[in-house]
Amino acid sequence: MQRNSVELSELDGEDLVHYAPDNSLSGWLDRSLSAAGLHLNPVVTTSVTSAAPQLAAAGLGIAISPVSAVSAGFPGVVRSFSPRWARQLFAVTPGEPDPLAARFIADLRTRGVRVPRDVKNQLERRGVS
């Protein structure tokens, strides 16, 4: 039977595909794992967010990444945490945004972040919608 989610405590001691310090997810993930009392073993780092899930699917460890970093046709398994984690998105502009940036921000507000259909279907099959 496929599980719907992963309990955070189950990750303690696991090998981790981590983010390089120049990726803002690195510090956020370190703080989040520390707050949860978890110790993971970084085995490889990447600056490219979308590379982490691919490296995990290749068997290097687990990756904790935004679902938007998981590409269509992803060969691995995608699960949400229990309890779920969320990270706010911010749009920073130098003053009033130009029309293209304003449209992008409006799209994010109304539609959210794009998730490939097959990844969304995998999450929905597991009851994570």
N, C-alpha and C. Protein backbone atom coordinates (compact mmCIF):
# COMPACT_ATOMS: atom_id res chain seq x y z
N MET A 1 0.83 -1.18 0.00
CA MET A 1 0.00 0.00 0.00
C MET A 1 0.88 1.25 0.00
N GLN A 2 0.56 2.21 -0.88
CA GLN A 2 1.29 3.47 -0.94
C GLN A 2 0.86 4.36 0.22
N ARG A 3 1.82 5.02 0.83
CA ARG A 3 1.51 5.92 1.94
C ARG A 3 1.21 7.31 1.41
N ASN A 4 0.32 8.00 2.10
CA ASN A 4 -0.07 9.35 1.69
C ASN A 4 0.97 10.40 2.00
N SER A 5 1.68 10.23 3.10
CA SER A 5 2.62 11.26 3.53
C SER A 5 3.74 10.63 4.34
N VAL A 6 4.70 11.46 4.67
CA VAL A 6 5.86 11.02 5.45
C VAL A 6 5.87 11.81 6.76
N GLU A 7 5.96 11.11 7.86
CA GLU A 7 6.11 11.76 9.16
C GLU A 7 7.54 12.30 9.25
N LEU A 8 7.69 13.51 9.73
CA LEU A 8 9.02 14.13 9.82
C LEU A 8 10.00 13.27 10.60
N SER A 9 9.55 12.66 11.67
CA SER A 9 10.44 11.87 12.52
C SER A 9 11.06 10.69 11.76
N GLU A 10 10.40 10.23 10.70
CA GLU A 10 10.92 9.12 9.91
C GLU A 10 12.18 9.49 9.13
N LEU A 11 12.44 10.78 8.97
CA LEU A 11 13.57 11.23 8.17
C LEU A 11 14.87 11.31 8.95
N ASP A 12 14.80 11.25 10.27
CA ASP A 12 16.00 11.40 11.09
C ASP A 12 17.06 10.40 10.68
N GLY A 13 18.27 10.91 10.38
CA GLY A 13 19.39 10.07 10.00
C GLY A 13 19.47 9.71 8.53
N GLU A 14 18.48 10.10 7.73
CA GLU A 14 18.48 9.77 6.30
C GLU A 14 19.54 10.56 5.54
N ASP A 15 20.01 10.01 4.42
CA ASP A 15 20.89 10.75 3.52
C ASP A 15 20.06 11.81 2.80
N LEU A 16 20.65 12.99 2.65
CA LEU A 16 19.93 14.14 2.11
C LEU A 16 20.64 14.73 0.91
N VAL A 17 19.89 14.97 -0.15
CA VAL A 17 20.36 15.80 -1.25
C VAL A 17 20.06 17.23 -0.79
N HIS A 18 21.11 17.96 -0.47
CA HIS A 18 20.95 19.29 0.15
C HIS A 18 21.21 20.38 -0.89
N TYR A 19 20.97 21.59 -0.46
CA TYR A 19 21.19 22.74 -1.31
C TYR A 19 22.48 23.43 -0.91
N ALA A 20 23.20 23.94 -1.91
CA ALA A 20 24.43 24.68 -1.65
C ALA A 20 24.09 25.98 -0.93
N PRO A 21 25.04 26.54 -0.18
CA PRO A 21 24.76 27.76 0.59
C PRO A 21 24.24 28.93 -0.25
N ASP A 22 24.56 28.97 -1.55
CA ASP A 22 24.09 30.08 -2.38
C ASP A 22 22.62 29.94 -2.78
N ASN A 23 21.99 28.81 -2.46
CA ASN A 23 20.57 28.61 -2.69
C ASN A 23 19.84 28.94 -1.39
N SER A 24 18.87 29.84 -1.44
CA SER A 24 18.20 30.27 -0.20
C SER A 24 17.47 29.14 0.52
N LEU A 25 17.20 28.03 -0.18
CA LEU A 25 16.56 26.90 0.49
C LEU A 25 17.50 26.24 1.50
N SER A 26 18.80 26.40 1.32
CA SER A 26 19.77 25.76 2.22
C SER A 26 19.57 26.19 3.67
N GLY A 27 19.60 27.49 3.91
CA GLY A 27 19.43 28.00 5.27
C GLY A 27 18.05 27.72 5.82
N TRP A 28 17.03 27.91 4.97
CA TRP A 28 15.65 27.64 5.40
C TRP A 28 15.49 26.18 5.81
N LEU A 29 16.04 25.27 5.00
CA LEU A 29 15.92 23.84 5.31
C LEU A 29 16.69 23.49 6.58
N ASP A 30 17.88 24.03 6.73
CA ASP A 30 18.65 23.78 7.96
C ASP A 30 17.87 24.23 9.20
N ARG A 31 17.30 25.43 9.14
CA ARG A 31 16.53 25.95 10.28
C ARG A 31 15.29 25.09 10.54
N SER A 32 14.60 24.70 9.47
CA SER A 32 13.38 23.90 9.62
C SER A 32 13.67 22.52 10.21
N LEU A 33 14.74 21.88 9.73
CA LEU A 33 15.10 20.56 10.25
C LEU A 33 15.55 20.66 11.70
N SER A 34 16.30 21.70 12.02
CA SER A 34 16.76 21.90 13.39
C SER A 34 15.57 22.12 14.32
N ALA A 35 14.62 22.94 13.89
CA ALA A 35 13.43 23.21 14.70
C ALA A 35 12.62 21.94 14.93
N ALA A 36 12.67 21.02 13.97
CA ALA A 36 11.95 19.75 14.11
C ALA A 36 12.77 18.71 14.88
N GLY A 37 14.02 19.08 15.25
CA GLY A 37 14.88 18.15 15.99
C GLY A 37 15.44 17.04 15.14
N LEU A 38 15.55 17.27 13.83
CA LEU A 38 16.02 16.23 12.91
C LEU A 38 17.47 16.47 12.51
N HIS A 39 18.19 15.36 12.30
CA HIS A 39 19.57 15.40 11.84
C HIS A 39 19.66 14.52 10.61
N LEU A 40 19.86 15.14 9.45
CA LEU A 40 20.00 14.39 8.21
C LEU A 40 21.46 14.44 7.78
N ASN A 41 21.85 13.52 6.93
CA ASN A 41 23.23 13.40 6.49
C ASN A 41 23.37 13.91 5.05
N PRO A 42 23.82 15.16 4.87
CA PRO A 42 23.99 15.67 3.50
C PRO A 42 25.06 14.86 2.76
N VAL A 43 24.68 14.32 1.61
CA VAL A 43 25.62 13.51 0.83
C VAL A 43 26.05 14.21 -0.45
N VAL A 44 25.26 15.16 -0.90
CA VAL A 44 25.59 15.94 -2.09
C VAL A 44 24.83 17.25 -2.00
N THR A 45 25.38 18.32 -2.57
CA THR A 45 24.69 19.60 -2.59
C THR A 45 24.54 20.08 -4.02
N THR A 46 23.52 20.89 -4.23
CA THR A 46 23.28 21.48 -5.53
C THR A 46 22.80 22.91 -5.36
N SER A 47 23.18 23.77 -6.29
CA SER A 47 22.68 25.14 -6.30
C SER A 47 21.36 25.23 -7.05
N VAL A 48 21.07 24.22 -7.86
CA VAL A 48 19.89 24.24 -8.72
C VAL A 48 18.76 23.48 -8.03
N THR A 49 17.71 24.20 -7.65
CA THR A 49 16.61 23.62 -6.90
C THR A 49 16.00 22.41 -7.61
N SER A 50 15.79 22.51 -8.91
CA SER A 50 15.15 21.42 -9.65
C SER A 50 16.06 20.20 -9.81
N ALA A 51 17.34 20.33 -9.51
CA ALA A 51 18.25 19.18 -9.60
C ALA A 51 18.11 18.27 -8.38
N ALA A 52 17.70 18.82 -7.23
CA ALA A 52 17.62 18.02 -6.01
C ALA A 52 16.67 16.83 -6.15
N PRO A 53 15.44 17.01 -6.64
CA PRO A 53 14.57 15.84 -6.80
C PRO A 53 15.13 14.80 -7.79
N GLN A 54 15.78 15.28 -8.84
CA GLN A 54 16.36 14.37 -9.82
C GLN A 54 17.49 13.54 -9.20
N LEU A 55 18.32 14.18 -8.40
CA LEU A 55 19.41 13.46 -7.72
C LEU A 55 18.84 12.45 -6.73
N ALA A 56 17.75 12.82 -6.06
CA ALA A 56 17.11 11.87 -5.13
C ALA A 56 16.53 10.69 -5.90
N ALA A 57 15.90 10.96 -7.03
CA ALA A 57 15.32 9.88 -7.84
C ALA A 57 16.40 8.94 -8.37
N ALA A 58 17.63 9.46 -8.50
CA ALA A 58 18.76 8.63 -8.94
C ALA A 58 19.32 7.78 -7.80
N GLY A 59 18.78 7.96 -6.59
CA GLY A 59 19.16 7.11 -5.47
C GLY A 59 20.20 7.69 -4.54
N LEU A 60 20.49 8.98 -4.62
CA LEU A 60 21.53 9.57 -3.77
C LEU A 60 21.05 9.89 -2.37
N GLY A 61 19.77 9.93 -2.15
CA GLY A 61 19.21 10.27 -0.84
C GLY A 61 17.83 10.83 -1.04
N ILE A 62 17.29 11.43 -0.01
CA ILE A 62 15.99 12.08 -0.14
C ILE A 62 16.22 13.55 -0.47
N ALA A 63 15.23 14.17 -1.08
CA ALA A 63 15.28 15.60 -1.34
C ALA A 63 14.04 16.23 -0.73
N ILE A 64 14.22 17.34 -0.10
CA ILE A 64 13.11 18.13 0.41
C ILE A 64 13.07 19.37 -0.46
N SER A 65 12.07 19.44 -1.31
CA SER A 65 12.03 20.53 -2.28
C SER A 65 10.62 21.04 -2.48
N PRO A 66 10.50 22.25 -3.02
CA PRO A 66 9.16 22.72 -3.38
C PRO A 66 8.60 21.82 -4.47
N VAL A 67 7.31 21.58 -4.43
CA VAL A 67 6.70 20.72 -5.45
C VAL A 67 6.87 21.33 -6.84
N SER A 68 7.02 22.64 -6.91
CA SER A 68 7.22 23.30 -8.20
C SER A 68 8.57 22.96 -8.81
N ALA A 69 9.49 22.38 -8.03
CA ALA A 69 10.80 21.99 -8.56
C ALA A 69 10.78 20.59 -9.16
N VAL A 70 9.65 19.91 -9.06
CA VAL A 70 9.53 18.55 -9.59
C VAL A 70 8.98 18.65 -11.01
N SER A 71 9.75 18.14 -11.96
CA SER A 71 9.38 18.28 -13.37
C SER A 71 8.38 17.22 -13.81
N ALA A 72 7.72 17.52 -14.91
CA ALA A 72 6.80 16.56 -15.52
C ALA A 72 7.58 15.30 -15.87
N GLY A 73 6.97 14.15 -15.69
CA GLY A 73 7.64 12.88 -15.98
C GLY A 73 8.64 12.47 -14.92
N PHE A 74 8.57 13.06 -13.75
CA PHE A 74 9.51 12.75 -12.66
C PHE A 74 9.50 11.25 -12.36
N PRO A 75 10.67 10.62 -12.33
CA PRO A 75 10.72 9.17 -12.13
C PRO A 75 10.64 8.71 -10.68
N GLY A 76 10.66 9.63 -9.73
CA GLY A 76 10.63 9.25 -8.32
C GLY A 76 9.25 9.33 -7.72
N VAL A 77 9.21 9.21 -6.41
CA VAL A 77 7.96 9.27 -5.65
C VAL A 77 7.89 10.63 -4.97
N VAL A 78 6.73 11.26 -5.03
CA VAL A 78 6.50 12.56 -4.40
C VAL A 78 5.51 12.38 -3.27
N ARG A 79 5.90 12.83 -2.09
CA ARG A 79 5.01 12.76 -0.93
C ARG A 79 5.07 14.08 -0.18
N SER A 80 4.02 14.37 0.52
CA SER A 80 3.97 15.55 1.36
C SER A 80 4.34 15.13 2.78
N PHE A 81 4.67 16.12 3.61
CA PHE A 81 4.96 15.85 5.01
C PHE A 81 3.67 15.84 5.83
N SER A 82 3.71 15.13 6.93
CA SER A 82 2.66 15.17 7.91
C SER A 82 3.31 15.53 9.25
N PRO A 83 3.04 16.68 9.81
CA PRO A 83 2.18 17.73 9.29
C PRO A 83 2.84 18.42 8.09
N ARG A 84 2.00 19.02 7.23
CA ARG A 84 2.49 19.65 6.00
C ARG A 84 3.37 20.85 6.31
N TRP A 85 4.36 21.05 5.46
CA TRP A 85 5.21 22.23 5.53
C TRP A 85 4.75 23.20 4.46
N ALA A 86 4.86 24.47 4.74
CA ALA A 86 4.56 25.50 3.75
C ALA A 86 5.62 26.58 3.85
N ARG A 87 5.90 27.18 2.72
CA ARG A 87 6.85 28.28 2.67
C ARG A 87 6.22 29.39 1.84
N GLN A 88 6.21 30.59 2.38
CA GLN A 88 5.61 31.71 1.67
C GLN A 88 6.48 32.13 0.51
N LEU A 89 5.82 32.57 -0.56
CA LEU A 89 6.51 33.15 -1.71
C LEU A 89 6.38 34.66 -1.64
N PHE A 90 7.44 35.35 -2.01
CA PHE A 90 7.43 36.80 -2.01
C PHE A 90 7.87 37.28 -3.38
N ALA A 91 7.25 38.34 -3.85
CA ALA A 91 7.68 39.01 -5.07
C ALA A 91 8.24 40.36 -4.67
N VAL A 92 9.51 40.59 -4.93
CA VAL A 92 10.16 41.83 -4.55
C VAL A 92 10.48 42.60 -5.83
N THR A 93 10.03 43.83 -5.88
CA THR A 93 10.30 44.68 -7.04
C THR A 93 10.87 46.00 -6.56
N PRO A 94 11.65 46.67 -7.40
CA PRO A 94 12.19 47.98 -7.02
C PRO A 94 11.14 49.06 -7.28
N GLY A 95 10.24 49.26 -6.34
CA GLY A 95 9.17 50.22 -6.54
C GLY A 95 7.98 49.57 -7.22
N GLU A 96 7.25 50.34 -8.00
CA GLU A 96 6.10 49.81 -8.73
C GLU A 96 6.58 48.82 -9.79
N PRO A 97 5.99 47.62 -9.83
CA PRO A 97 6.42 46.65 -10.84
C PRO A 97 6.01 47.09 -12.24
N ASP A 98 6.83 46.71 -13.21
CA ASP A 98 6.47 46.97 -14.60
C ASP A 98 5.28 46.08 -14.96
N PRO A 99 4.62 46.30 -16.10
CA PRO A 99 3.41 45.54 -16.43
C PRO A 99 3.62 44.02 -16.47
N LEU A 100 4.74 43.55 -16.96
CA LEU A 100 4.98 42.11 -17.02
C LEU A 100 5.13 41.52 -15.61
N ALA A 101 5.91 42.19 -14.77
CA ALA A 101 6.06 41.73 -13.38
C ALA A 101 4.73 41.78 -12.64
N ALA A 102 3.95 42.82 -12.87
CA ALA A 102 2.64 42.94 -12.22
C ALA A 102 1.73 41.78 -12.65
N ARG A 103 1.76 41.42 -13.92
CA ARG A 103 0.94 40.30 -14.40
C ARG A 103 1.40 38.98 -13.78
N PHE A 104 2.73 38.79 -13.68
CA PHE A 104 3.28 37.58 -13.06
C PHE A 104 2.82 37.47 -11.60
N ILE A 105 2.91 38.58 -10.87
CA ILE A 105 2.49 38.59 -9.46
C ILE A 105 1.00 38.29 -9.35
N ALA A 106 0.20 38.89 -10.22
CA ALA A 106 -1.25 38.64 -10.20
C ALA A 106 -1.54 37.17 -10.50
N ASP A 107 -0.82 36.58 -11.46
CA ASP A 107 -1.02 35.16 -11.77
C ASP A 107 -0.66 34.27 -10.58
N LEU A 108 0.42 34.59 -9.88
CA LEU A 108 0.79 33.82 -8.69
C LEU A 108 -0.30 33.91 -7.63
N ARG A 109 -0.85 35.10 -7.45
CA ARG A 109 -1.90 35.27 -6.45
C ARG A 109 -3.15 34.47 -6.78
N THR A 110 -3.53 34.46 -8.05
CA THR A 110 -4.80 33.80 -8.42
C THR A 110 -4.65 32.32 -8.74
N ARG A 111 -3.50 31.93 -9.29
CA ARG A 111 -3.34 30.54 -9.74
C ARG A 111 -2.35 29.73 -8.92
N GLY A 112 -1.51 30.39 -8.17
CA GLY A 112 -0.49 29.68 -7.42
C GLY A 112 0.67 29.27 -8.30
N VAL A 113 1.50 28.39 -7.80
CA VAL A 113 2.67 27.91 -8.53
C VAL A 113 2.27 26.71 -9.37
N ARG A 114 2.73 26.68 -10.60
CA ARG A 114 2.40 25.59 -11.50
C ARG A 114 3.04 24.28 -11.04
N VAL A 115 2.23 23.24 -11.02
CA VAL A 115 2.69 21.89 -10.68
C VAL A 115 2.33 20.99 -11.86
N PRO A 116 3.30 20.24 -12.39
CA PRO A 116 3.00 19.37 -13.52
C PRO A 116 1.84 18.42 -13.21
N ARG A 117 1.01 18.17 -14.21
CA ARG A 117 -0.20 17.35 -14.03
C ARG A 117 0.13 15.97 -13.45
N ASP A 118 1.19 15.31 -13.94
CA ASP A 118 1.47 13.97 -13.42
C ASP A 118 1.91 14.00 -11.96
N VAL A 119 2.60 15.06 -11.55
CA VAL A 119 3.01 15.20 -10.15
C VAL A 119 1.77 15.49 -9.29
N LYS A 120 0.91 16.38 -9.78
CA LYS A 120 -0.33 16.69 -9.06
C LYS A 120 -1.19 15.44 -8.92
N ASN A 121 -1.29 14.65 -10.00
CA ASN A 121 -2.07 13.40 -9.95
C ASN A 121 -1.49 12.44 -8.92
N GLN A 122 -0.16 12.35 -8.85
CA GLN A 122 0.48 11.46 -7.87
C GLN A 122 0.14 11.90 -6.45
N LEU A 123 0.16 13.19 -6.21
CA LEU A 123 -0.17 13.70 -4.87
C LEU A 123 -1.65 13.47 -4.56
N GLU A 124 -2.51 13.69 -5.54
CA GLU A 124 -3.94 13.49 -5.32
C GLU A 124 -4.28 12.03 -5.08
N ARG A 125 -3.61 11.10 -5.78
CA ARG A 125 -3.85 9.67 -5.57
C ARG A 125 -3.49 9.28 -4.15
N ARG A 126 -2.59 10.01 -3.56
CA ARG A 126 -2.17 9.72 -2.18
C ARG A 126 -2.94 10.54 -1.18
N GLY A 127 -3.93 11.27 -1.65
CA GLY A 127 -4.76 12.04 -0.72
C GLY A 127 -4.11 13.28 -0.19
N VAL A 128 -3.24 13.91 -0.96
CA VAL A 128 -2.50 15.06 -0.48
C VAL A 128 -2.96 16.35 -1.13
N SER A 129 -3.92 16.37 -2.01
CA SER A 129 -4.30 17.51 -2.83
C SER A 129 -4.18 18.86 -2.21
